[in-house]
Protein backbone atom coordinates (compact mmCIF):
# COMPACT_ATOMS: atom_id res chain seq x y z
CA UNK A 1 68.64 -98.19 -119.38
CA UNK A 2 71.33 -99.03 -116.85
CA UNK A 3 73.58 -96.58 -118.69
CA UNK A 4 71.16 -93.78 -117.77
CA UNK A 5 70.29 -94.92 -114.23
CA UNK A 6 73.86 -95.46 -113.05
CA UNK A 7 75.08 -91.89 -113.81
CA UNK A 8 71.90 -90.39 -112.32
CA UNK A 9 72.29 -92.54 -109.21
CA UNK A 10 75.97 -91.60 -108.88
CA UNK A 11 75.16 -87.90 -109.33
CA UNK A 12 72.37 -88.10 -106.74
CA UNK A 13 74.69 -89.73 -104.19
CA UNK A 14 77.35 -87.08 -104.83
CA UNK A 15 74.84 -84.26 -104.27
CA UNK A 16 73.57 -85.87 -101.05
CA UNK A 17 77.13 -86.35 -99.79
CA UNK A 18 78.05 -82.72 -100.43
CA UNK A 19 74.91 -81.29 -98.85
CA UNK A 20 74.64 -83.63 -95.89
CA UNK A 21 75.39 -82.01 -92.50
CA UNK A 22 76.41 -85.33 -90.93
CA UNK A 23 79.17 -87.78 -91.63
CA UNK A 24 78.35 -91.39 -90.96
CA UNK A 25 81.01 -93.07 -88.88
CA UNK A 26 80.61 -96.72 -87.97
CA UNK A 27 79.72 -97.14 -84.29
CA UNK A 28 78.66 -93.48 -83.86
CA UNK A 29 75.00 -92.62 -83.91
CA UNK A 30 73.81 -89.48 -85.56
CA UNK A 31 71.66 -87.02 -83.62
CA UNK A 32 67.95 -87.56 -83.65
CA UNK A 33 65.53 -84.79 -84.42
CA UNK A 34 65.21 -83.95 -80.68
CA UNK A 35 68.96 -83.69 -80.10
CA UNK A 36 70.79 -80.51 -80.94
CA UNK A 37 73.88 -80.40 -83.07
CA UNK A 38 76.71 -78.53 -81.33
CA UNK A 39 77.62 -75.29 -83.03
CA UNK A 40 80.51 -72.89 -82.71
CA UNK A 41 80.26 -69.15 -82.46
CA UNK A 42 82.97 -67.31 -84.32
CA UNK A 43 83.78 -63.78 -83.19
CA UNK A 44 85.91 -61.62 -85.43
CA UNK A 45 88.28 -59.34 -83.54
CA UNK A 46 90.01 -56.50 -85.34
CA UNK A 47 93.73 -56.98 -85.36
CA UNK A 48 94.44 -53.29 -84.90
CA UNK A 49 92.38 -50.55 -83.27
CA UNK A 50 92.79 -47.16 -84.86
CA UNK A 51 92.93 -44.44 -82.21
CA UNK A 52 92.02 -40.89 -83.20
CA UNK A 53 94.97 -38.51 -83.13
CA UNK A 54 95.00 -36.46 -79.93
CA UNK A 55 96.99 -33.59 -78.54
CA UNK A 56 97.45 -31.83 -75.23
CA UNK A 57 96.12 -28.29 -74.81
CA UNK A 58 96.88 -25.79 -72.07
CA UNK A 59 93.77 -24.12 -70.66
CA UNK A 60 93.71 -21.42 -67.96
CA UNK A 61 91.10 -21.09 -65.22
CA UNK A 62 90.84 -18.73 -62.25
CA UNK A 63 92.60 -19.83 -59.08
CA UNK A 64 89.96 -18.45 -56.74
CA UNK A 65 92.14 -18.47 -53.61
CA UNK A 66 94.88 -16.40 -55.30
CA UNK A 67 92.24 -14.06 -56.70
CA UNK A 68 90.62 -13.56 -53.27
CA UNK A 69 93.91 -12.51 -51.65
CA UNK A 70 95.07 -10.48 -54.65
CA UNK A 71 98.08 -12.62 -55.59
CA UNK A 72 98.69 -12.52 -59.33
CA UNK A 73 98.63 -14.30 -61.67
CA UNK A 74 95.06 -15.27 -60.91
CA UNK A 75 95.01 -17.88 -63.68
CA UNK A 76 96.27 -21.44 -63.30
CA UNK A 77 97.10 -23.69 -66.26
CA UNK A 78 95.66 -27.18 -66.66
CA UNK A 79 96.09 -29.63 -69.51
CA UNK A 80 93.41 -31.28 -71.58
CA UNK A 81 93.81 -34.09 -74.08
CA UNK A 82 91.53 -33.59 -77.06
CA UNK A 83 91.22 -34.87 -80.64
CA UNK A 84 93.50 -32.87 -82.93
CA UNK A 85 91.45 -29.76 -83.76
CA UNK A 86 91.38 -27.68 -86.93
CA UNK A 87 92.07 -24.56 -84.85
CA UNK A 88 94.10 -24.69 -81.63
CA UNK A 89 92.89 -21.30 -80.32
CA UNK A 90 89.27 -22.30 -80.92
CA UNK A 91 89.83 -25.65 -79.18
CA UNK A 92 91.30 -23.85 -76.15
CA UNK A 93 88.31 -21.48 -75.94
CA UNK A 94 85.94 -24.42 -76.26
CA UNK A 95 87.68 -26.15 -73.34
CA UNK A 96 87.62 -22.89 -71.36
CA UNK A 97 83.85 -22.58 -71.70
CA UNK A 98 83.39 -26.24 -70.73
CA UNK A 99 84.76 -25.16 -67.36
CA UNK A 100 87.02 -26.94 -64.89
CA UNK A 101 86.58 -30.64 -64.23
CA UNK A 102 85.50 -31.83 -60.78
CA UNK A 103 89.15 -32.56 -59.95
CA UNK A 104 90.16 -29.06 -61.07
CA UNK A 105 87.33 -27.52 -59.02
CA UNK A 106 88.62 -29.46 -56.01
CA UNK A 107 91.95 -27.65 -56.53
CA UNK A 108 90.15 -24.29 -56.29
CA UNK A 109 89.86 -23.51 -60.00
CA UNK A 110 86.78 -21.74 -61.33
CA UNK A 111 85.41 -20.28 -64.52
CA UNK A 112 84.40 -16.63 -64.21
CA UNK A 113 81.70 -16.26 -66.90
CA UNK A 114 80.50 -12.69 -66.26
CA UNK A 115 77.04 -13.63 -67.54
CA UNK A 116 78.30 -15.23 -70.76
CA UNK A 117 77.55 -18.80 -71.76
CA UNK A 118 80.08 -19.36 -74.54
CA UNK A 119 81.29 -17.95 -77.81
CA UNK A 120 79.77 -18.12 -81.27
CA UNK A 121 82.81 -17.32 -83.34
CA UNK A 122 86.57 -16.83 -83.21
CA UNK A 123 88.42 -15.26 -86.12
CA UNK A 124 92.14 -14.56 -86.36
CA UNK A 125 93.37 -12.18 -89.01
CA UNK A 126 96.47 -9.97 -89.19
CA UNK A 127 97.40 -10.88 -85.61
CA UNK A 128 93.98 -9.86 -84.25
CA UNK A 129 91.77 -12.46 -82.59
CA UNK A 130 88.09 -11.55 -82.49
CA UNK A 131 85.93 -13.44 -80.00
CA UNK A 132 82.13 -13.11 -80.20
CA UNK A 133 80.44 -13.94 -76.89
CA UNK A 134 77.07 -15.60 -76.30
CA UNK A 135 74.93 -14.64 -73.32
CA UNK A 136 74.29 -11.30 -71.71
CA UNK A 137 77.65 -10.23 -70.36
CA UNK A 138 78.04 -8.09 -67.26
CA UNK A 139 81.05 -7.38 -65.09
CA UNK A 140 78.75 -6.66 -62.11
CA UNK A 141 81.33 -4.07 -61.07
CA UNK A 142 84.24 -6.51 -61.00
CA UNK A 143 87.59 -5.67 -62.51
CA UNK A 144 88.17 -9.39 -63.17
CA UNK A 145 85.92 -10.90 -65.86
CA UNK A 146 85.75 -13.54 -68.56
CA UNK A 147 87.91 -11.16 -70.62
CA UNK A 148 90.86 -11.92 -68.32
CA UNK A 149 90.47 -15.64 -68.96
CA UNK A 150 90.05 -15.18 -72.71
CA UNK A 151 93.22 -13.06 -72.79
CA UNK A 152 95.16 -15.61 -70.71
CA UNK A 153 94.08 -18.47 -72.96
CA UNK A 154 94.67 -16.80 -76.32
CA UNK A 155 97.94 -15.06 -75.37
CA UNK A 156 99.73 -18.44 -75.56
CA UNK A 157 99.50 -18.41 -79.38
CA UNK A 158 102.27 -16.44 -81.12
CA UNK A 159 100.05 -15.66 -84.13
CA UNK A 160 97.78 -13.60 -81.84
CA UNK A 161 99.06 -10.15 -80.86
CA UNK A 162 95.75 -8.44 -80.03
CA UNK A 163 92.43 -9.72 -78.73
CA UNK A 164 89.11 -8.03 -79.35
CA UNK A 165 86.12 -9.38 -77.43
CA UNK A 166 82.60 -8.63 -78.68
CA UNK A 167 79.40 -8.79 -76.63
CA UNK A 168 76.23 -10.67 -77.60
CA UNK A 169 75.26 -7.73 -79.84
CA UNK A 170 78.56 -7.81 -81.76
CA UNK A 171 79.93 -4.66 -80.09
CA UNK A 172 83.32 -3.87 -78.57
CA UNK A 173 84.88 -0.60 -77.38
CA UNK A 174 87.60 -0.39 -80.07
CA UNK A 175 86.63 -2.48 -83.08
CA UNK A 176 89.32 -0.94 -85.32
CA UNK A 177 93.08 -0.79 -85.01
CA UNK A 178 95.81 -3.01 -83.71
CA UNK A 179 94.89 -3.06 -80.03
CA UNK A 180 92.94 -5.16 -77.60
CA UNK A 181 89.35 -4.34 -76.81
CA UNK A 182 86.54 -5.50 -74.55
CA UNK A 183 82.82 -4.73 -74.73
CA UNK A 184 81.32 -2.09 -72.45
CA UNK A 185 79.45 -4.79 -70.52
CA UNK A 186 82.77 -6.10 -69.15
CA UNK A 187 83.92 -2.71 -67.85
CA UNK A 188 83.78 -2.42 -64.02
């Protein structure tokens, strides 16, 4: 019988020793049920932070003081740092329609919208950029409109030779041919 009890007793003590949260050290009392056992909090910190790839774009806005006194060019370039886009021209137009920052406004830069609120599509094919505007465009008799800003912003790309701007109804004065075109609503 002792042959059976001794191995069971030894196995039981081994299991208790492995599973026990406390180590008995002579002269040191173990915590009672009302005392808390100190714990450590482990925080895992990534060793390397992956930053999204960014690039700097040039975006043009209207320098209102130069425009008011008739000193061309009316557009002033600013830079924007953005995530690397699929289409640079589209990213520039997106930044244009976001408008100048507060700091850029403080420098006298404005966005002349001519009643538009954005663009729904930009296509570039055979050197022709086609921009489809959102919002009811109107020049309100002005010779300077959102078309000027769109031209200034897209002219920086060598793959674009002509720019055709379409109104909210998908119309422009000269939809065909290798030439620029604006919609009737942006005529003075």
